[in-house]
Every structure is written in C-alpha cells, then in structure tokens.
Amino acid sequence: MSKRQNPSEFLKQIIGKPVVVKLNSGVDYRGILACLDGFMNIALEQTEEYQDGQVQ
C-alpha cells in the first residue's frame, strides 16, 4: 500500500523533473518544474506551449 501525501509534498518531490500542465482550455505546458509557493502556484523552466498536440 502506498503512503498518502498531500499535493504540495508530492510537487516538492518532483521539482527539477519534467511535467505536463493541462489547462481546461485544452492548452498544455510541458517543461521542468522549477518551484512552487505556499499557494501551490508553480513556475516552469524550458517550457513549450502545446495546443492540439502542436507547439505554439
């Protein structure tokens, strides 16, 4: 059984790793998770924006 953790703790563990952020509008951002704050705002590095699978 895996240990439950809150989302903030999970995000802290993956700082520096590639992530995909999917917005409700259908836009995806793919980049490296750089940091997050206490409100769970995130910053990405080396980011590309995708819409319908195409780089914008």
PDB file of N, CA and C in Angstrom:
ATOM      1  N   MET A   1       0.845  -1.175   0.000  1.00  0.00           N
ATOM      2  CA  MET A   1       0.000   0.000   0.000  1.00  0.00           C
ATOM      3  C   MET A   1       0.892   1.240   0.000  1.00  0.00           C
ATOM      4  N   SER A   2       0.592   2.227  -0.864  1.00  0.00           N
ATOM      5  CA  SER A   2       1.413   3.429  -0.933  1.00  0.00           C
ATOM      6  C   SER A   2       0.992   4.425   0.136  1.00  0.00           C
ATOM      7  N   LYS A   3       1.953   5.236   0.528  1.00  0.00           N
ATOM      8  CA  LYS A   3       1.713   6.255   1.552  1.00  0.00           C
ATOM      9  C   LYS A   3       0.972   7.438   0.929  1.00  0.00           C
ATOM     10  N   ARG A   4      -0.067   7.905   1.599  1.00  0.00           N
ATOM     11  CA  ARG A   4      -0.797   9.089   1.136  1.00  0.00           C
ATOM     12  C   ARG A   4       0.004  10.324   1.492  1.00  0.00           C
ATOM     13  N   GLN A   5       0.024  11.287   0.583  1.00  0.00           N
ATOM     14  CA  GLN A   5       0.681  12.555   0.856  1.00  0.00           C
ATOM     15  C   GLN A   5      -0.131  13.671   0.224  1.00  0.00           C
ATOM     16  N   ASN A   6       0.036  14.862   0.744  1.00  0.00           N
ATOM     17  CA  ASN A   6      -0.728  15.966   0.178  1.00  0.00           C
ATOM     18  C   ASN A   6      -0.074  16.435  -1.122  1.00  0.00           C
ATOM     19  N   PRO A   7      -0.828  17.121  -1.972  1.00  0.00           N
ATOM     20  CA  PRO A   7      -0.297  17.528  -3.279  1.00  0.00           C
ATOM     21  C   PRO A   7       0.956  18.391  -3.186  1.00  0.00           C
ATOM     22  N   SER A   8       1.021  19.256  -2.192  1.00  0.00           N
ATOM     23  CA  SER A   8       2.189  20.120  -2.040  1.00  0.00           C
ATOM     24  C   SER A   8       3.454  19.305  -1.800  1.00  0.00           C
ATOM     25  N   GLU A   9       3.368  18.297  -0.955  1.00  0.00           N
ATOM     26  CA  GLU A   9       4.527  17.438  -0.686  1.00  0.00           C
ATOM     27  C   GLU A   9       4.932  16.669  -1.939  1.00  0.00           C
ATOM     28  N   PHE A  10       3.958  16.189  -2.687  1.00  0.00           N
ATOM     29  CA  PHE A  10       4.258  15.488  -3.933  1.00  0.00           C
ATOM     30  C   PHE A  10       4.985  16.407  -4.907  1.00  0.00           C
ATOM     31  N   LEU A  11       4.468  17.632  -5.082  1.00  0.00           N
ATOM     32  CA  LEU A  11       5.096  18.563  -6.015  1.00  0.00           C
ATOM     33  C   LEU A  11       6.519  18.908  -5.593  1.00  0.00           C
ATOM     34  N   LYS A  12       6.759  19.040  -4.295  1.00  0.00           N
ATOM     35  CA  LYS A  12       8.124  19.319  -3.818  1.00  0.00           C
ATOM     36  C   LYS A  12       9.080  18.197  -4.198  1.00  0.00           C
ATOM     37  N   GLN A  13       8.586  16.975  -4.230  1.00  0.00           N
ATOM     38  CA  GLN A  13       9.435  15.828  -4.568  1.00  0.00           C
ATOM     39  C   GLN A  13       9.794  15.783  -6.050  1.00  0.00           C
ATOM     40  N   ILE A  14       8.997  16.423  -6.903  1.00  0.00           N
ATOM     41  CA  ILE A  14       9.282  16.350  -8.337  1.00  0.00           C
ATOM     42  C   ILE A  14       9.866  17.651  -8.897  1.00  0.00           C
ATOM     43  N   ILE A  15      10.276  18.569  -8.038  1.00  0.00           N
ATOM     44  CA  ILE A  15      10.961  19.776  -8.510  1.00  0.00           C
ATOM     45  C   ILE A  15      12.211  19.346  -9.274  1.00  0.00           C
ATOM     46  N   GLY A  16      12.408  19.950 -10.429  1.00  0.00           N
ATOM     47  CA  GLY A  16      13.548  19.620 -11.278  1.00  0.00           C
ATOM     48  C   GLY A  16      13.265  18.532 -12.298  1.00  0.00           C
ATOM     49  N   LYS A  17      12.052  18.008 -12.283  1.00  0.00           N
ATOM     50  CA  LYS A  17      11.684  16.930 -13.211  1.00  0.00           C
ATOM     51  C   LYS A  17      10.693  17.455 -14.256  1.00  0.00           C
ATOM     52  N   PRO A  18      10.624  16.789 -15.413  1.00  0.00           N
ATOM     53  CA  PRO A  18       9.680  17.213 -16.456  1.00  0.00           C
ATOM     54  C   PRO A  18       8.229  16.985 -16.029  1.00  0.00           C
ATOM     55  N   VAL A  19       7.376  17.954 -16.352  1.00  0.00           N
ATOM     56  CA  VAL A  19       5.949  17.857 -16.034  1.00  0.00           C
ATOM     57  C   VAL A  19       5.127  18.360 -17.218  1.00  0.00           C
ATOM     58  N   VAL A  20       3.865  17.970 -17.236  1.00  0.00           N
ATOM     59  CA  VAL A  20       2.896  18.492 -18.202  1.00  0.00           C
ATOM     60  C   VAL A  20       1.757  19.101 -17.399  1.00  0.00           C
ATOM     61  N   VAL A  21       1.470  20.378 -17.660  1.00  0.00           N
ATOM     62  CA  VAL A  21       0.355  21.069 -17.013  1.00  0.00           C
ATOM     63  C   VAL A  21      -0.736  21.216 -18.062  1.00  0.00           C
ATOM     64  N   LYS A  22      -1.897  20.611 -17.808  1.00  0.00           N
ATOM     65  CA  LYS A  22      -3.013  20.637 -18.758  1.00  0.00           C
ATOM     66  C   LYS A  22      -4.084  21.595 -18.242  1.00  0.00           C
ATOM     67  N   LEU A  23      -4.407  22.586 -19.038  1.00  0.00           N
ATOM     68  CA  LEU A  23      -5.444  23.547 -18.680  1.00  0.00           C
ATOM     69  C   LEU A  23      -6.792  23.106 -19.232  1.00  0.00           C
ATOM     70  N   ASN A  24      -7.866  23.587 -18.613  1.00  0.00           N
ATOM     71  CA  ASN A  24      -9.216  23.260 -19.080  1.00  0.00           C
ATOM     72  C   ASN A  24      -9.462  23.763 -20.499  1.00  0.00           C
ATOM     73  N   SER A  25      -8.716  24.768 -20.919  1.00  0.00           N
ATOM     74  CA  SER A  25      -8.887  25.331 -22.263  1.00  0.00           C
ATOM     75  C   SER A  25      -8.338  24.420 -23.351  1.00  0.00           C
ATOM     76  N   GLY A  26      -7.631  23.356 -22.959  1.00  0.00           N
ATOM     77  CA  GLY A  26      -7.052  22.441 -23.929  1.00  0.00           C
ATOM     78  C   GLY A  26      -5.589  22.704 -24.213  1.00  0.00           C
ATOM     79  N   VAL A  27      -5.031  23.744 -23.614  1.00  0.00           N
ATOM     80  CA  VAL A  27      -3.616  24.065 -23.795  1.00  0.00           C
ATOM     81  C   VAL A  27      -2.799  23.261 -22.793  1.00  0.00           C
ATOM     82  N   ASP A  28      -1.669  22.721 -23.255  1.00  0.00           N
ATOM     83  CA  ASP A  28      -0.733  22.002 -22.388  1.00  0.00           C
ATOM     84  C   ASP A  28       0.565  22.783 -22.317  1.00  0.00           C
ATOM     85  N   TYR A  29       1.181  22.801 -21.140  1.00  0.00           N
ATOM     86  CA  TYR A  29       2.513  23.366 -20.968  1.00  0.00           C
ATOM     87  C   TYR A  29       3.422  22.240 -20.526  1.00  0.00           C
ATOM     88  N   ARG A  30       4.512  22.042 -21.257  1.00  0.00           N
ATOM     89  CA  ARG A  30       5.470  20.985 -20.938  1.00  0.00           C
ATOM     90  C   ARG A  30       6.797  21.647 -20.611  1.00  0.00           C
ATOM     91  N   GLY A  31       7.313  21.336 -19.424  1.00  0.00           N
ATOM     92  CA  GLY A  31       8.573  21.928 -19.012  1.00  0.00           C
ATOM     93  C   GLY A  31       9.093  21.273 -17.751  1.00  0.00           C
ATOM     94  N   ILE A  32      10.100  21.896 -17.170  1.00  0.00           N
ATOM     95  CA  ILE A  32      10.725  21.412 -15.945  1.00  0.00           C
ATOM     96  C   ILE A  32      10.134  22.186 -14.771  1.00  0.00           C
ATOM     97  N   LEU A  33       9.634  21.474 -13.767  1.00  0.00           N
ATOM     98  CA  LEU A  33       9.073  22.130 -12.585  1.00  0.00           C
ATOM     99  C   LEU A  33      10.200  22.811 -11.822  1.00  0.00           C
ATOM    100  N   ALA A  34      10.159  24.145 -11.758  1.00  0.00           N
ATOM    101  CA  ALA A  34      11.230  24.915 -11.122  1.00  0.00           C
ATOM    102  C   ALA A  34      10.963  25.147  -9.639  1.00  0.00           C
ATOM    103  N   CYS A  35       9.733  25.550  -9.295  1.00  0.00           N
ATOM    104  CA  CYS A  35       9.426  25.838  -7.892  1.00  0.00           C
ATOM    105  C   CYS A  35       7.920  25.970  -7.707  1.00  0.00           C
ATOM    106  N   LEU A  36       7.508  26.012  -6.449  1.00  0.00           N
ATOM    107  CA  LEU A  36       6.119  26.280  -6.102  1.00  0.00           C
ATOM    108  C   LEU A  36       6.086  27.059  -4.805  1.00  0.00           C
ATOM    109  N   ASP A  37       4.983  27.764  -4.586  1.00  0.00           N
ATOM    110  CA  ASP A  37       4.857  28.545  -3.359  1.00  0.00           C
ATOM    111  C   ASP A  37       3.775  27.952  -2.458  1.00  0.00           C
ATOM    112  N   GLY A  38       3.492  28.618  -1.368  1.00  0.00           N
ATOM    113  CA  GLY A  38       2.526  28.141  -0.394  1.00  0.00           C
ATOM    114  C   GLY A  38       1.097  28.087  -0.909  1.00  0.00           C
ATOM    115  N   PHE A  39       0.831  28.787  -2.009  1.00  0.00           N
ATOM    116  CA  PHE A  39      -0.498  28.776  -2.616  1.00  0.00           C
ATOM    117  C   PHE A  39      -0.579  27.769  -3.757  1.00  0.00           C
ATOM    118  N   MET A  40       0.492  26.991  -3.943  1.00  0.00           N
ATOM    119  CA  MET A  40       0.624  25.983  -5.000  1.00  0.00           C
ATOM    120  C   MET A  40       0.665  26.596  -6.396  1.00  0.00           C
ATOM    121  N   ASN A  41       1.090  27.873  -6.491  1.00  0.00           N
ATOM    122  CA  ASN A  41       1.446  28.427  -7.792  1.00  0.00           C
ATOM    123  C   ASN A  41       2.763  27.788  -8.177  1.00  0.00           C
ATOM    124  N   ILE A  42       2.924  27.474  -9.458  1.00  0.00           N
ATOM    125  CA  ILE A  42       4.148  26.814  -9.894  1.00  0.00           C
ATOM    126  C   ILE A  42       4.860  27.657 -10.938  1.00  0.00           C
ATOM    127  N   ALA A  43       6.148  27.409 -11.094  1.00  0.00           N
ATOM    128  CA  ALA A  43       6.943  28.013 -12.164  1.00  0.00           C
ATOM    129  C   ALA A  43       7.622  26.880 -12.919  1.00  0.00           C
ATOM    130  N   LEU A  44       7.611  26.998 -14.250  1.00  0.00           N
ATOM    131  CA  LEU A  44       8.250  26.003 -15.107  1.00  0.00           C
ATOM    132  C   LEU A  44       9.414  26.651 -15.841  1.00  0.00           C
ATOM    133  N   GLU A  45      10.436  25.842 -16.134  1.00  0.00           N
ATOM    134  CA  GLU A  45      11.562  26.277 -16.954  1.00  0.00           C
ATOM    135  C   GLU A  45      11.549  25.470 -18.248  1.00  0.00           C
ATOM    136  N   GLN A  46      12.207  26.015 -19.275  1.00  0.00           N
ATOM    137  CA  GLN A  46      12.326  25.323 -20.562  1.00  0.00           C
ATOM    138  C   GLN A  46      10.951  24.846 -21.039  1.00  0.00           C
ATOM    139  N   THR A  47       9.995  25.759 -21.014  1.00  0.00           N
ATOM    140  CA  THR A  47       8.594  25.409 -21.243  1.00  0.00           C
ATOM    141  C   THR A  47       8.181  25.603 -22.695  1.00  0.00           C
ATOM    142  N   GLU A  48       7.385  24.671 -23.192  1.00  0.00           N
ATOM    143  CA  GLU A  48       6.765  24.787 -24.505  1.00  0.00           C
ATOM    144  C   GLU A  48       5.255  24.713 -24.331  1.00  0.00           C
ATOM    145  N   GLU A  49       4.544  25.509 -25.124  1.00  0.00           N
ATOM    146  CA  GLU A  49       3.081  25.523 -25.101  1.00  0.00           C
ATOM    147  C   GLU A  49       2.567  24.682 -26.266  1.00  0.00           C
ATOM    148  N   TYR A  50       1.620  23.807 -25.979  1.00  0.00           N
ATOM    149  CA  TYR A  50       1.035  22.930 -26.998  1.00  0.00           C
ATOM    150  C   TYR A  50      -0.467  23.144 -27.044  1.00  0.00           C
ATOM    151  N   GLN A  51      -0.994  23.165 -28.255  1.00  0.00           N
ATOM    152  CA  GLN A  51      -2.442  23.174 -28.444  1.00  0.00           C
ATOM    153  C   GLN A  51      -2.749  22.182 -29.552  1.00  0.00           C
ATOM    154  N   ASP A  52      -3.653  21.273 -29.279  1.00  0.00           N
ATOM    155  CA  ASP A  52      -3.984  20.191 -30.215  1.00  0.00           C
ATOM    156  C   ASP A  52      -2.734  19.399 -30.604  1.00  0.00           C
ATOM    157  N   GLY A  53      -1.828  19.213 -29.647  1.00  0.00           N
ATOM    158  CA  GLY A  53      -0.624  18.425 -29.878  1.00  0.00           C
ATOM    159  C   GLY A  53       0.473  19.130 -30.656  1.00  0.00           C
ATOM    160  N   GLN A  54       0.255  20.396 -31.008  1.00  0.00           N
ATOM    161  CA  GLN A  54       1.223  21.162 -31.795  1.00  0.00           C
ATOM    162  C   GLN A  54       1.852  22.258 -30.941  1.00  0.00           C
ATOM    163  N   VAL A  55       3.167  22.449 -31.105  1.00  0.00           N
ATOM    164  CA  VAL A  55       3.864  23.524 -30.394  1.00  0.00           C
ATOM    165  C   VAL A  55       3.350  24.855 -30.910  1.00  0.00           C
ATOM    166  N   GLN A  56       3.083  25.772 -30.000  1.00  0.00           N
ATOM    167  CA  GLN A  56       2.601  27.109 -30.375  1.00  0.00           C
ATOM    168  C   GLN A  56       3.728  28.118 -30.368  1.00  0.00           C
TER     169      GLN A  56
END
